[in-house]
Amino acid sequence: MHLSDEKVQTWHKICIENNHFNNPMTGETLEKLIQSIIPDYSKGDLSQEIQINDESLKRLSENQQNPTIEFVSDFVDVIKQLLKPAS
């Protein structure tokens, strides 16, 4: 959800085509399909394409709130909590 809009939309389309929202894909299938978008993706490893910075975190947060994107990440809430300034 933190990649370019094009890649997020491509992934969303793949999920719909594979009926993922009604019958979730297995981890093996997910990994293979993600590799069609991020060739060096491997579950548990951070792809070189994935950069964690202000811009990618902003995209992540915006996409999390986008009602046209059917997938969400619970981890986004954890990240937001960790990034909140201490009061």
Protein backbone atom coordinates (compact mmCIF):
# COMPACT_ATOMS: atom_id res chain seq x y z
CA MET A 1 0.00 0.00 0.00
CA HIS A 2 3.01 2.26 0.14
CA LEU A 3 4.13 1.77 -3.47
CA SER A 4 3.17 3.89 -6.46
CA ASP A 5 -0.51 4.34 -7.25
CA GLU A 6 -0.03 2.25 -10.38
CA LYS A 7 1.38 -0.70 -8.44
CA VAL A 8 -1.30 -0.47 -5.74
CA GLN A 9 -4.00 -0.50 -8.42
CA THR A 10 -2.30 -3.40 -10.21
CA TRP A 11 -2.23 -5.37 -6.96
CA HIS A 12 -5.86 -4.52 -6.26
CA LYS A 13 -6.81 -5.80 -9.73
CA ILE A 14 -4.85 -9.03 -9.13
CA CYS A 15 -6.68 -9.54 -5.83
CA ILE A 16 -10.06 -9.07 -7.52
CA GLU A 17 -9.15 -11.36 -10.44
CA ASN A 18 -8.13 -14.07 -7.95
CA ASN A 19 -11.25 -13.63 -5.78
CA HIS A 20 -8.91 -12.87 -2.85
CA PHE A 21 -11.49 -10.89 -0.87
CA ASN A 22 -13.91 -13.82 -0.75
CA ASN A 23 -11.43 -16.69 -0.75
CA PRO A 24 -7.99 -15.47 0.43
CA MET A 25 -5.01 -16.68 -1.57
CA THR A 26 -2.36 -18.83 0.08
CA GLY A 27 0.97 -17.32 1.07
CA GLU A 28 2.70 -19.16 -1.77
CA THR A 29 0.27 -17.77 -4.34
CA LEU A 30 0.48 -14.28 -2.86
CA GLU A 31 4.27 -14.31 -2.99
CA LYS A 32 4.30 -15.42 -6.62
CA LEU A 33 1.78 -12.77 -7.66
CA ILE A 34 3.53 -10.00 -5.71
CA GLN A 35 6.70 -10.93 -7.60
CA SER A 36 4.89 -10.02 -10.82
CA ILE A 37 4.87 -6.45 -9.48
CA ILE A 38 8.01 -6.47 -7.32
CA PRO A 39 10.39 -9.00 -8.91
CA ASP A 40 12.81 -9.24 -5.95
CA TYR A 41 10.02 -9.68 -3.38
CA SER A 42 10.47 -12.51 -0.92
CA LYS A 43 8.25 -12.94 2.13
CA GLY A 44 10.14 -11.84 5.21
CA ASP A 45 12.70 -9.77 3.30
CA LEU A 46 12.49 -6.11 2.36
CA SER A 47 12.64 -5.59 -1.40
CA GLN A 48 15.10 -2.99 -2.67
CA GLU A 49 12.11 -1.31 -4.31
CA ILE A 50 10.42 -0.75 -0.97
CA GLN A 51 11.74 2.41 0.59
CA ILE A 52 10.55 3.43 4.04
CA ASN A 53 10.48 7.21 4.10
CA ASP A 54 8.09 10.09 4.66
CA GLU A 55 6.66 9.82 1.15
CA SER A 56 5.98 6.07 1.28
CA LEU A 57 4.45 6.33 4.76
CA LYS A 58 2.19 9.14 3.56
CA ARG A 59 1.06 6.99 0.58
CA LEU A 60 0.47 4.08 2.96
CA SER A 61 -1.73 6.19 5.19
CA GLU A 62 -3.66 7.71 2.27
CA ASN A 63 -4.26 4.33 0.65
CA GLN A 64 -5.43 2.93 3.98
CA GLN A 65 -8.20 5.55 3.96
CA ASN A 66 -9.08 5.12 0.27
CA PRO A 67 -12.50 3.40 0.06
CA THR A 68 -11.79 2.14 -3.48
CA ILE A 69 -8.92 -0.02 -2.21
CA GLU A 70 -10.44 -3.12 -0.68
CA PHE A 71 -7.41 -4.31 1.25
CA VAL A 72 -6.09 -2.68 4.40
CA SER A 73 -3.22 -3.24 6.77
CA ASP A 74 -3.63 -3.48 10.52
CA PHE A 75 0.08 -2.74 10.74
CA VAL A 76 -0.56 0.82 9.56
CA ASP A 77 -2.18 1.60 12.91
CA VAL A 78 0.88 0.23 14.72
CA ILE A 79 3.18 2.41 12.61
CA LYS A 80 1.04 5.50 13.26
CA GLN A 81 1.16 4.87 17.00
CA LEU A 82 4.93 4.46 16.92
CA LEU A 83 5.38 7.68 14.97
CA LYS A 84 3.19 9.83 17.22
CA PRO A 85 5.17 12.43 19.13
CA ALA A 86 5.39 11.76 22.85
CA SER A 87 3.08 14.01 24.84
